[in-house]
Amino acid sequence: MHHRRGLRRLLKNDELLAQVEADWRTAPLSPARVAMLTYCVKLTFTPGEMVRGDVEALRDVGFSDRDILDIVEVTSYYAYVNRIADGLGVPDESWITDD
């Protein structure tokens, strides 16, 4: 997981990081983070099933329309870049570690 360093800096809590890595659904995350991750997983794996209620769930936990746009753009960008890299058989960079 080469995004581990960024997540570690964001969370500032190694125990929480381990829980998120093991299963974010059971980690002690805020309702907003759970809603965001739920949305991102659905958008990533079943984008054709997205409905207005998915956006409303984000608004219900306090995300603004701008926040939601950012969530969609970041999720979509990572999906795009990963598919390009996977489609071309690009290996991970040698400098990427799990630390």
Protein backbone atom coordinates (compact mmCIF):
# COMPACT_ATOMS: atom_id res chain seq x y z
CA MET A 1 0.00 0.00 0.00
CA HIS A 2 2.05 2.88 -1.25
CA HIS A 3 -0.31 5.55 0.10
CA ARG A 4 0.37 4.41 3.65
CA ARG A 5 2.75 7.26 4.44
CA GLY A 6 0.18 9.90 3.53
CA LEU A 7 -2.51 8.15 5.55
CA ARG A 8 -0.13 7.86 8.48
CA ARG A 9 0.56 11.64 8.35
CA LEU A 10 -3.16 12.38 8.09
CA LEU A 11 -4.25 10.14 10.96
CA LYS A 12 -1.25 10.73 13.28
CA ASN A 13 -2.21 7.50 15.03
CA ASP A 14 -0.44 4.22 14.21
CA GLU A 15 -3.03 2.12 16.04
CA LEU A 16 -5.87 3.68 14.05
CA LEU A 17 -3.84 3.25 10.85
CA ALA A 18 -3.50 -0.48 11.58
CA GLN A 19 -7.24 -0.74 12.23
CA VAL A 20 -8.07 1.10 9.00
CA GLU A 21 -5.71 -1.13 7.05
CA ALA A 22 -7.20 -4.26 8.60
CA ASP A 23 -10.81 -3.19 7.95
CA TRP A 24 -11.90 0.43 7.83
CA ARG A 25 -15.52 -0.64 8.39
CA THR A 26 -14.73 -1.71 11.95
CA ALA A 27 -12.17 1.02 12.73
CA PRO A 28 -13.25 3.79 15.11
CA LEU A 29 -13.77 6.46 12.44
CA SER A 30 -16.08 9.45 12.53
CA PRO A 31 -19.47 9.13 10.83
CA ALA A 32 -18.23 11.56 8.15
CA ARG A 33 -15.19 9.42 7.34
CA VAL A 34 -17.29 6.25 7.24
CA ALA A 35 -19.79 7.93 4.90
CA MET A 36 -16.98 9.19 2.67
CA LEU A 37 -15.27 5.79 2.47
CA THR A 38 -18.58 4.03 1.84
CA TYR A 39 -19.25 6.43 -1.02
CA CYS A 40 -15.74 6.01 -2.45
CA VAL A 41 -15.95 2.22 -2.38
CA LYS A 42 -19.30 2.26 -4.16
CA LEU A 43 -18.08 4.75 -6.76
CA THR A 44 -14.97 2.64 -7.36
CA PHE A 45 -16.55 -0.80 -7.61
CA THR A 46 -20.12 -0.13 -8.80
CA PRO A 47 -20.22 3.34 -10.37
CA GLY A 48 -23.35 2.53 -12.37
CA GLU A 49 -25.27 2.04 -9.13
CA MET A 50 -24.65 5.55 -7.78
CA VAL A 51 -27.85 7.45 -6.95
CA ARG A 52 -28.78 10.84 -5.58
CA GLY A 53 -29.13 9.27 -2.12
CA ASP A 54 -25.40 8.52 -2.10
CA VAL A 55 -24.65 12.22 -2.42
CA GLU A 56 -27.31 13.07 0.16
CA ALA A 57 -25.64 10.69 2.63
CA LEU A 58 -22.48 12.81 2.35
CA ARG A 59 -24.42 16.04 2.85
CA ASP A 60 -26.15 14.51 5.88
CA VAL A 61 -22.81 14.14 7.67
CA GLY A 62 -21.69 17.66 6.87
CA PHE A 63 -19.92 17.57 3.53
CA SER A 64 -20.47 20.62 1.34
CA ASP A 65 -21.07 20.38 -2.39
CA ARG A 66 -17.44 21.42 -2.92
CA ASP A 67 -16.28 18.66 -0.54
CA ILE A 68 -18.35 16.13 -2.47
CA LEU A 69 -16.90 17.29 -5.77
CA ASP A 70 -13.41 16.88 -4.30
CA ILE A 71 -14.27 13.37 -3.06
CA VAL A 72 -15.58 12.38 -6.50
CA GLU A 73 -12.62 13.88 -8.33
CA VAL A 74 -9.98 12.25 -6.13
CA THR A 75 -11.72 8.86 -6.19
CA SER A 76 -12.15 9.02 -9.95
CA TYR A 77 -8.61 10.22 -10.56
CA TYR A 78 -7.09 7.33 -8.60
CA ALA A 79 -9.31 4.84 -10.42
CA TYR A 80 -8.25 6.31 -13.76
CA VAL A 81 -4.53 6.39 -13.00
CA ASN A 82 -4.52 2.89 -11.52
CA ARG A 83 -6.34 1.48 -14.53
CA ILE A 84 -3.89 3.15 -16.91
CA ALA A 85 -0.93 1.77 -14.96
CA ASP A 86 -2.46 -1.69 -14.60
CA GLY A 87 -3.51 -1.74 -18.26
CA LEU A 88 0.03 -0.98 -19.35
CA GLY A 89 1.62 -3.40 -16.88
CA VAL A 90 3.49 -0.62 -15.11
CA PRO A 91 5.23 -2.00 -12.01
CA ASP A 92 5.35 -0.08 -8.74
CA GLU A 93 8.25 2.33 -8.42
CA SER A 94 11.25 0.82 -6.63
CA TRP A 95 11.16 3.59 -4.00
CA ILE A 96 7.63 2.73 -2.85
CA THR A 97 7.62 0.92 0.48
CA ASP A 98 4.98 0.03 3.04
CA ASP A 99 6.48 2.32 5.70
